[in-house]
Amino acid sequence: AHQVALLYQCLSFQNLNLQRFKRQIEPQFEEIKARTERATVPALSETQKEWLWHLTDEVMHAAVDLRGEASGHIREWIEAMT
């Protein structure tokens, strides 16, 4: 749950337009937190693992795609430099 919370916080940086991913985490977080807190060895369900894998894959693609909405500020900076 702590790692999901850290991912959520990273998505909060104002320079990145990744708010849509925060909205995907919010409905999942309480269930993930409850599951990991009640287990002697914290582990996600297979469904949660699959969801988290796809989410992080989407975040990574959005963060490195200079054409995407998440990096509009970077494009502006590059254009100003050229």
PDB file of N, CA and C in Angstrom:
ATOM      1  N   ALA A   1       0.834  -1.192   0.000  1.00  0.00           N
ATOM      2  CA  ALA A   1       0.000   0.000   0.000  1.00  0.00           C
ATOM      3  C   ALA A   1       0.875   1.251   0.000  1.00  0.00           C
ATOM      4  N   HIS A   2       2.019   1.164   0.689  1.00  0.00           N
ATOM      5  CA  HIS A   2       2.900   2.335   0.752  1.00  0.00           C
ATOM      6  C   HIS A   2       3.465   2.671  -0.619  1.00  0.00           C
ATOM      7  N   GLN A   3       3.761   1.665  -1.402  1.00  0.00           N
ATOM      8  CA  GLN A   3       4.305   1.916  -2.743  1.00  0.00           C
ATOM      9  C   GLN A   3       3.242   2.517  -3.658  1.00  0.00           C
ATOM     10  N   VAL A   4       2.013   2.085  -3.523  1.00  0.00           N
ATOM     11  CA  VAL A   4       0.921   2.672  -4.308  1.00  0.00           C
ATOM     12  C   VAL A   4       0.710   4.124  -3.880  1.00  0.00           C
ATOM     13  N   ALA A   5       0.817   4.391  -2.572  1.00  0.00           N
ATOM     14  CA  ALA A   5       0.691   5.769  -2.079  1.00  0.00           C
ATOM     15  C   ALA A   5       1.825   6.636  -2.621  1.00  0.00           C
ATOM     16  N   LEU A   6       3.032   6.090  -2.708  1.00  0.00           N
ATOM     17  CA  LEU A   6       4.158   6.832  -3.261  1.00  0.00           C
ATOM     18  C   LEU A   6       3.932   7.147  -4.741  1.00  0.00           C
ATOM     19  N   LEU A   7       3.435   6.174  -5.498  1.00  0.00           N
ATOM     20  CA  LEU A   7       3.111   6.415  -6.904  1.00  0.00           C
ATOM     21  C   LEU A   7       2.071   7.527  -7.015  1.00  0.00           C
ATOM     22  N   TYR A   8       1.068   7.485  -6.167  1.00  0.00           N
ATOM     23  CA  TYR A   8       0.014   8.506  -6.162  1.00  0.00           C
ATOM     24  C   TYR A   8       0.612   9.888  -5.914  1.00  0.00           C
ATOM     25  N   GLN A   9       1.515   9.987  -4.942  1.00  0.00           N
ATOM     26  CA  GLN A   9       2.147  11.266  -4.632  1.00  0.00           C
ATOM     27  C   GLN A   9       3.004  11.759  -5.792  1.00  0.00           C
ATOM     28  N   CYS A  10       3.705  10.866  -6.452  1.00  0.00           N
ATOM     29  CA  CYS A  10       4.531  11.259  -7.600  1.00  0.00           C
ATOM     30  C   CYS A  10       3.678  11.831  -8.724  1.00  0.00           C
ATOM     31  N   LEU A  11       2.476  11.335  -8.857  1.00  0.00           N
ATOM     32  CA  LEU A  11       1.573  11.826  -9.900  1.00  0.00           C
ATOM     33  C   LEU A  11       1.011  13.202  -9.569  1.00  0.00           C
ATOM     34  N   SER A  12       1.277  13.694  -8.365  1.00  0.00           N
ATOM     35  CA  SER A  12       0.750  14.979  -7.923  1.00  0.00           C
ATOM     36  C   SER A  12       1.603  16.163  -8.334  1.00  0.00           C
ATOM     37  N   PHE A  13       2.792  15.924  -8.845  1.00  0.00           N
ATOM     38  CA  PHE A  13       3.639  17.035  -9.238  1.00  0.00           C
ATOM     39  C   PHE A  13       2.911  17.896 -10.253  1.00  0.00           C
ATOM     40  N   GLN A  14       2.928  19.186 -10.037  1.00  0.00           N
ATOM     41  CA  GLN A  14       2.158  20.100 -10.871  1.00  0.00           C
ATOM     42  C   GLN A  14       2.661  20.172 -12.304  1.00  0.00           C
ATOM     43  N   ASN A  15       3.909  19.857 -12.546  1.00  0.00           N
ATOM     44  CA  ASN A  15       4.449  19.970 -13.897  1.00  0.00           C
ATOM     45  C   ASN A  15       4.010  18.835 -14.812  1.00  0.00           C
ATOM     46  N   LEU A  16       3.425  17.800 -14.252  1.00  0.00           N
ATOM     47  CA  LEU A  16       2.987  16.674 -15.071  1.00  0.00           C
ATOM     48  C   LEU A  16       1.467  16.635 -15.108  1.00  0.00           C
ATOM     49  N   ASN A  17       0.935  16.358 -16.261  1.00  0.00           N
ATOM     50  CA  ASN A  17      -0.512  16.263 -16.424  1.00  0.00           C
ATOM     51  C   ASN A  17      -0.904  14.783 -16.372  1.00  0.00           C
ATOM     52  N   LEU A  18      -0.841  14.211 -15.188  1.00  0.00           N
ATOM     53  CA  LEU A  18      -1.108  12.784 -15.019  1.00  0.00           C
ATOM     54  C   LEU A  18      -2.251  12.538 -14.036  1.00  0.00           C
ATOM     55  N   GLN A  19      -3.122  13.505 -13.880  1.00  0.00           N
ATOM     56  CA  GLN A  19      -4.217  13.406 -12.914  1.00  0.00           C
ATOM     57  C   GLN A  19      -5.143  12.224 -13.193  1.00  0.00           C
ATOM     58  N   ARG A  20      -5.254  11.844 -14.448  1.00  0.00           N
ATOM     59  CA  ARG A  20      -6.159  10.731 -14.762  1.00  0.00           C
ATOM     60  C   ARG A  20      -5.718   9.444 -14.086  1.00  0.00           C
ATOM     61  N   PHE A  21      -4.423   9.299 -13.858  1.00  0.00           N
ATOM     62  CA  PHE A  21      -3.924   8.103 -13.188  1.00  0.00           C
ATOM     63  C   PHE A  21      -4.254   8.140 -11.697  1.00  0.00           C
ATOM     64  N   LYS A  22      -4.234   9.321 -11.106  1.00  0.00           N
ATOM     65  CA  LYS A  22      -4.637   9.437  -9.706  1.00  0.00           C
ATOM     66  C   LYS A  22      -6.078   8.982  -9.536  1.00  0.00           C
ATOM     67  N   ARG A  23      -6.919   9.357 -10.485  1.00  0.00           N
ATOM     68  CA  ARG A  23      -8.338   8.957 -10.408  1.00  0.00           C
ATOM     69  C   ARG A  23      -8.492   7.443 -10.538  1.00  0.00           C
ATOM     70  N   GLN A  24      -7.535   6.777 -11.184  1.00  0.00           N
ATOM     71  CA  GLN A  24      -7.586   5.318 -11.283  1.00  0.00           C
ATOM     72  C   GLN A  24      -7.118   4.648  -9.991  1.00  0.00           C
ATOM     73  N   ILE A  25      -6.221   5.295  -9.273  1.00  0.00           N
ATOM     74  CA  ILE A  25      -5.697   4.729  -8.029  1.00  0.00           C
ATOM     75  C   ILE A  25      -6.701   4.867  -6.892  1.00  0.00           C
ATOM     76  N   GLU A  26      -7.365   5.998  -6.812  1.00  0.00           N
ATOM     77  CA  GLU A  26      -8.233   6.302  -5.666  1.00  0.00           C
ATOM     78  C   GLU A  26      -9.243   5.204  -5.332  1.00  0.00           C
ATOM     79  N   PRO A  27      -9.989   4.669  -6.297  1.00  0.00           N
ATOM     80  CA  PRO A  27     -10.970   3.644  -5.915  1.00  0.00           C
ATOM     81  C   PRO A  27     -10.329   2.309  -5.512  1.00  0.00           C
ATOM     82  N   GLN A  28      -9.094   2.075  -5.883  1.00  0.00           N
ATOM     83  CA  GLN A  28      -8.414   0.819  -5.573  1.00  0.00           C
ATOM     84  C   GLN A  28      -7.663   0.854  -4.240  1.00  0.00           C
ATOM     85  N   PHE A  29      -7.290   2.050  -3.794  1.00  0.00           N
ATOM     86  CA  PHE A  29      -6.343   2.167  -2.701  1.00  0.00           C
ATOM     87  C   PHE A  29      -6.821   1.545  -1.395  1.00  0.00           C
ATOM     88  N   GLU A  30      -8.044   1.823  -0.983  1.00  0.00           N
ATOM     89  CA  GLU A  30      -8.522   1.303   0.308  1.00  0.00           C
ATOM     90  C   GLU A  30      -8.507  -0.218   0.346  1.00  0.00           C
ATOM     91  N   GLU A  31      -8.888  -0.860  -0.736  1.00  0.00           N
ATOM     92  CA  GLU A  31      -8.873  -2.320  -0.772  1.00  0.00           C
ATOM     93  C   GLU A  31      -7.443  -2.852  -0.711  1.00  0.00           C
ATOM     94  N   ILE A  32      -6.536  -2.194  -1.436  1.00  0.00           N
ATOM     95  CA  ILE A  32      -5.122  -2.606  -1.400  1.00  0.00           C
ATOM     96  C   ILE A  32      -4.569  -2.419   0.003  1.00  0.00           C
ATOM     97  N   LYS A  33      -4.854  -1.289   0.617  1.00  0.00           N
ATOM     98  CA  LYS A  33      -4.372  -1.001   1.969  1.00  0.00           C
ATOM     99  C   LYS A  33      -4.902  -2.041   2.956  1.00  0.00           C
ATOM    100  N   ALA A  34      -6.191  -2.318   2.900  1.00  0.00           N
ATOM    101  CA  ALA A  34      -6.792  -3.293   3.813  1.00  0.00           C
ATOM    102  C   ALA A  34      -6.177  -4.678   3.617  1.00  0.00           C
ATOM    103  N   ARG A  35      -5.986  -5.061   2.380  1.00  0.00           N
ATOM    104  CA  ARG A  35      -5.438  -6.395   2.094  1.00  0.00           C
ATOM    105  C   ARG A  35      -4.012  -6.523   2.608  1.00  0.00           C
ATOM    106  N   THR A  36      -3.193  -5.504   2.387  1.00  0.00           N
ATOM    107  CA  THR A  36      -1.797  -5.590   2.802  1.00  0.00           C
ATOM    108  C   THR A  36      -1.635  -5.438   4.310  1.00  0.00           C
ATOM    109  N   GLU A  37      -2.524  -4.711   4.971  1.00  0.00           N
ATOM    110  CA  GLU A  37      -2.419  -4.537   6.416  1.00  0.00           C
ATOM    111  C   GLU A  37      -2.881  -5.752   7.200  1.00  0.00           C
ATOM    112  N   ARG A  38      -3.796  -6.519   6.654  1.00  0.00           N
ATOM    113  CA  ARG A  38      -4.304  -7.669   7.412  1.00  0.00           C
ATOM    114  C   ARG A  38      -3.504  -8.944   7.158  1.00  0.00           C
ATOM    115  N   ALA A  39      -2.617  -8.922   6.189  1.00  0.00           N
ATOM    116  CA  ALA A  39      -1.828 -10.111   5.868  1.00  0.00           C
ATOM    117  C   ALA A  39      -0.540 -10.146   6.688  1.00  0.00           C
ATOM    118  N   THR A  40      -0.118 -11.347   7.068  1.00  0.00           N
ATOM    119  CA  THR A  40       1.164 -11.465   7.764  1.00  0.00           C
ATOM    120  C   THR A  40       2.308 -11.172   6.806  1.00  0.00           C
ATOM    121  N   VAL A  41       2.137 -11.554   5.553  1.00  0.00           N
ATOM    122  CA  VAL A  41       3.084 -11.201   4.493  1.00  0.00           C
ATOM    123  C   VAL A  41       2.286 -10.408   3.465  1.00  0.00           C
ATOM    124  N   PRO A  42       2.452  -9.069   3.452  1.00  0.00           N
ATOM    125  CA  PRO A  42       1.656  -8.238   2.539  1.00  0.00           C
ATOM    126  C   PRO A  42       1.836  -8.651   1.083  1.00  0.00           C
ATOM    127  N   ALA A  43       0.721  -8.874   0.419  1.00  0.00           N
ATOM    128  CA  ALA A  43       0.751  -9.242  -0.991  1.00  0.00           C
ATOM    129  C   ALA A  43      -0.558  -8.824  -1.648  1.00  0.00           C
ATOM    130  N   LEU A  44      -0.457  -8.441  -2.901  1.00  0.00           N
ATOM    131  CA  LEU A  44      -1.641  -8.078  -3.669  1.00  0.00           C
ATOM    132  C   LEU A  44      -2.272  -9.328  -4.252  1.00  0.00           C
ATOM    133  N   SER A  45      -3.565  -9.247  -4.530  1.00  0.00           N
ATOM    134  CA  SER A  45      -4.226 -10.336  -5.238  1.00  0.00           C
ATOM    135  C   SER A  45      -3.728 -10.338  -6.682  1.00  0.00           C
ATOM    136  N   GLU A  46      -3.979 -11.404  -7.393  1.00  0.00           N
ATOM    137  CA  GLU A  46      -3.567 -11.464  -8.801  1.00  0.00           C
ATOM    138  C   GLU A  46      -4.238 -10.362  -9.613  1.00  0.00           C
ATOM    139  N   THR A  47      -5.485 -10.076  -9.320  1.00  0.00           N
ATOM    140  CA  THR A  47      -6.205  -9.008 -10.016  1.00  0.00           C
ATOM    141  C   THR A  47      -5.565  -7.654  -9.726  1.00  0.00           C
ATOM    142  N   GLN A  48      -5.198  -7.413  -8.481  1.00  0.00           N
ATOM    143  CA  GLN A  48      -4.549  -6.158  -8.113  1.00  0.00           C
ATOM    144  C   GLN A  48      -3.167  -6.040  -8.751  1.00  0.00           C
ATOM    145  N   LYS A  49      -2.432  -7.135  -8.800  1.00  0.00           N
ATOM    146  CA  LYS A  49      -1.117  -7.126  -9.445  1.00  0.00           C
ATOM    147  C   LYS A  49      -1.245  -6.761 -10.917  1.00  0.00           C
ATOM    148  N   GLU A  50      -2.198  -7.364 -11.576  1.00  0.00           N
ATOM    149  CA  GLU A  50      -2.432  -7.091 -12.993  1.00  0.00           C
ATOM    150  C   GLU A  50      -2.821  -5.628 -13.200  1.00  0.00           C
ATOM    151  N   TRP A  51      -3.726  -5.122 -12.368  1.00  0.00           N
ATOM    152  CA  TRP A  51      -4.146  -3.715 -12.452  1.00  0.00           C
ATOM    153  C   TRP A  51      -2.954  -2.786 -12.254  1.00  0.00           C
ATOM    154  N   LEU A  52      -2.141  -3.049 -11.236  1.00  0.00           N
ATOM    155  CA  LEU A  52      -1.001  -2.193 -10.935  1.00  0.00           C
ATOM    156  C   LEU A  52       0.039  -2.260 -12.040  1.00  0.00           C
ATOM    157  N   TRP A  53       0.256  -3.426 -12.604  1.00  0.00           N
ATOM    158  CA  TRP A  53       1.211  -3.568 -13.711  1.00  0.00           C
ATOM    159  C   TRP A  53       0.763  -2.714 -14.895  1.00  0.00           C
ATOM    160  N   HIS A  54      -0.511  -2.803 -15.256  1.00  0.00           N
ATOM    161  CA  HIS A  54      -1.022  -2.010 -16.385  1.00  0.00           C
ATOM    162  C   HIS A  54      -0.979  -0.512 -16.081  1.00  0.00           C
ATOM    163  N   LEU A  55      -1.319  -0.137 -14.867  1.00  0.00           N
ATOM    164  CA  LEU A  55      -1.293   1.272 -14.491  1.00  0.00           C
ATOM    165  C   LEU A  55       0.122   1.839 -14.600  1.00  0.00           C
ATOM    166  N   THR A  56       1.099   1.155 -14.016  1.00  0.00           N
ATOM    167  CA  THR A  56       2.472   1.666 -14.065  1.00  0.00           C
ATOM    168  C   THR A  56       3.008   1.678 -15.492  1.00  0.00           C
ATOM    169  N   ASP A  57       2.591   0.726 -16.300  1.00  0.00           N
ATOM    170  CA  ASP A  57       3.000   0.719 -17.709  1.00  0.00           C
ATOM    171  C   ASP A  57       2.440   1.955 -18.424  1.00  0.00           C
ATOM    172  N   GLU A  58       1.182   2.275 -18.176  1.00  0.00           N
ATOM    173  CA  GLU A  58       0.572   3.460 -18.781  1.00  0.00           C
ATOM    174  C   GLU A  58       1.252   4.740 -18.297  1.00  0.00           C
ATOM    175  N   VAL A  59       1.574   4.815 -17.002  1.00  0.00           N
ATOM    176  CA  VAL A  59       2.235   5.993 -16.447  1.00  0.00           C
ATOM    177  C   VAL A  59       3.594   6.184 -17.099  1.00  0.00           C
ATOM    178  N   MET A  60       4.361   5.110 -17.215  1.00  0.00           N
ATOM    179  CA  MET A  60       5.687   5.210 -17.830  1.00  0.00           C
ATOM    180  C   MET A  60       5.598   5.678 -19.272  1.00  0.00           C
ATOM    181  N   HIS A  61       4.664   5.133 -20.027  1.00  0.00           N
ATOM    182  CA  HIS A  61       4.507   5.554 -21.421  1.00  0.00           C
ATOM    183  C   HIS A  61       4.095   7.028 -21.516  1.00  0.00           C
ATOM    184  N   ALA A  62       3.195   7.447 -20.654  1.00  0.00           N
ATOM    185  CA  ALA A  62       2.752   8.843 -20.676  1.00  0.00           C
ATOM    186  C   ALA A  62       3.885   9.788 -20.277  1.00  0.00           C
ATOM    187  N   ALA A  63       4.714   9.373 -19.334  1.00  0.00           N
ATOM    188  CA  ALA A  63       5.785  10.236 -18.841  1.00  0.00           C
ATOM    189  C   ALA A  63       6.902  10.428 -19.863  1.00  0.00           C
ATOM    190  N   VAL A  64       7.149   9.443 -20.712  1.00  0.00           N
ATOM    191  CA  VAL A  64       8.257   9.558 -21.669  1.00  0.00           C
ATOM    192  C   VAL A  64       7.808   9.957 -23.071  1.00  0.00           C
ATOM    193  N   ASP A  65       6.524  10.038 -23.308  1.00  0.00           N
ATOM    194  CA  ASP A  65       6.005  10.404 -24.625  1.00  0.00           C
ATOM    195  C   ASP A  65       5.980  11.926 -24.745  1.00  0.00           C
ATOM    196  N   LEU A  66       6.952  12.488 -25.438  1.00  0.00           N
ATOM    197  CA  LEU A  66       7.022  13.944 -25.567  1.00  0.00           C
ATOM    198  C   LEU A  66       5.878  14.514 -26.392  1.00  0.00           C
ATOM    199  N   ARG A  67       5.138  13.659 -27.082  1.00  0.00           N
ATOM    200  CA  ARG A  67       3.983  14.129 -27.835  1.00  0.00           C
ATOM    201  C   ARG A  67       2.725  14.142 -26.979  1.00  0.00           C
ATOM    202  N   GLY A  68       2.754  13.446 -25.861  1.00  0.00           N
ATOM    203  CA  GLY A  68       1.567  13.286 -25.032  1.00  0.00           C
ATOM    204  C   GLY A  68       1.265  14.485 -24.171  1.00  0.00           C
ATOM    205  N   GLU A  69       0.107  14.443 -23.557  1.00  0.00           N
ATOM    206  CA  GLU A  69      -0.364  15.553 -22.737  1.00  0.00           C
ATOM    207  C   GLU A  69       0.464  15.744 -21.474  1.00  0.00           C
ATOM    208  N   ALA A  70       1.090  14.695 -20.978  1.00  0.00           N
ATOM    209  CA  ALA A  70       1.852  14.800 -19.730  1.00  0.00           C
ATOM    210  C   ALA A  70       3.100  15.644 -19.873  1.00  0.00           C
ATOM    211  N   SER A  71       3.591  15.803 -21.079  1.00  0.00           N
ATOM    212  CA  SER A  71       4.858  16.499 -21.252  1.00  0.00           C
ATOM    213  C   SER A  71       4.718  17.810 -22.023  1.00  0.00           C
ATOM    214  N   GLY A  72       3.561  18.406 -22.002  1.00  0.00           N
ATOM    215  CA  GLY A  72       3.353  19.673 -22.692  1.00  0.00           C
ATOM    216  C   GLY A  72       4.317  20.753 -22.244  1.00  0.00           C
ATOM    217  N   HIS A  73       4.605  20.808 -20.950  1.00  0.00           N
ATOM    218  CA  HIS A  73       5.536  21.811 -20.432  1.00  0.00           C
ATOM    219  C   HIS A  73       6.950  21.576 -20.954  1.00  0.00           C
ATOM    220  N   ILE A  74       7.323  20.334 -21.169  1.00  0.00           N
ATOM    221  CA  ILE A  74       8.658  20.028 -21.702  1.00  0.00           C
ATOM    222  C   ILE A  74       8.752  20.485 -23.148  1.00  0.00           C
ATOM    223  N   ARG A  75       7.712  20.221 -23.932  1.00  0.00           N
ATOM    224  CA  ARG A  75       7.680  20.661 -25.332  1.00  0.00           C
ATOM    225  C   ARG A  75       7.833  22.177 -25.422  1.00  0.00           C
ATOM    226  N   GLU A  76       7.102  22.874 -24.564  1.00  0.00           N
ATOM    227  CA  GLU A  76       7.186  24.341 -24.563  1.00  0.00           C
ATOM    228  C   GLU A  76       8.598  24.808 -24.247  1.00  0.00           C
ATOM    229  N   TRP A  77       9.241  24.163 -23.294  1.00  0.00           N
ATOM    230  CA  TRP A  77      10.594  24.526 -22.915  1.00  0.00           C
ATOM    231  C   TRP A  77      11.571  24.260 -24.059  1.00  0.00           C
ATOM    232  N   ILE A  78      11.414  23.106 -24.729  1.00  0.00           N
ATOM    233  CA  ILE A  78      12.296  22.770 -25.864  1.00  0.00           C
ATOM    234  C   ILE A  78      12.096  23.770 -26.987  1.00  0.00           C
ATOM    235  N   GLU A  79      10.862  24.118 -27.291  1.00  0.00           N
ATOM    236  CA  GLU A  79      10.573  25.069 -28.349  1.00  0.00           C
ATOM    237  C   GLU A  79      11.168  26.449 -28.017  1.00  0.00           C
ATOM    238  N   ALA A  80      11.110  26.836 -26.760  1.00  0.00           N
ATOM    239  CA  ALA A  80      11.659  28.130 -26.360  1.00  0.00           C
ATOM    240  C   ALA A  80      13.192  28.143 -26.491  1.00  0.00           C
ATOM    241  N   MET A  81      13.818  26.981 -26.348  1.00  0.00           N
ATOM    242  CA  MET A  81      15.265  26.888 -26.406  1.00  0.00           C
ATOM    243  C   MET A  81      15.771  26.866 -27.858  1.00  0.00           C
ATOM    244  N   THR A  82      14.919  26.510 -28.813  1.00  0.00           N
ATOM    245  CA  THR A  82      15.382  26.404 -30.206  1.00  0.00           C
ATOM    246  C   THR A  82      15.042  27.629 -31.007  1.00  0.00           C
TER     247      THR A  82
END
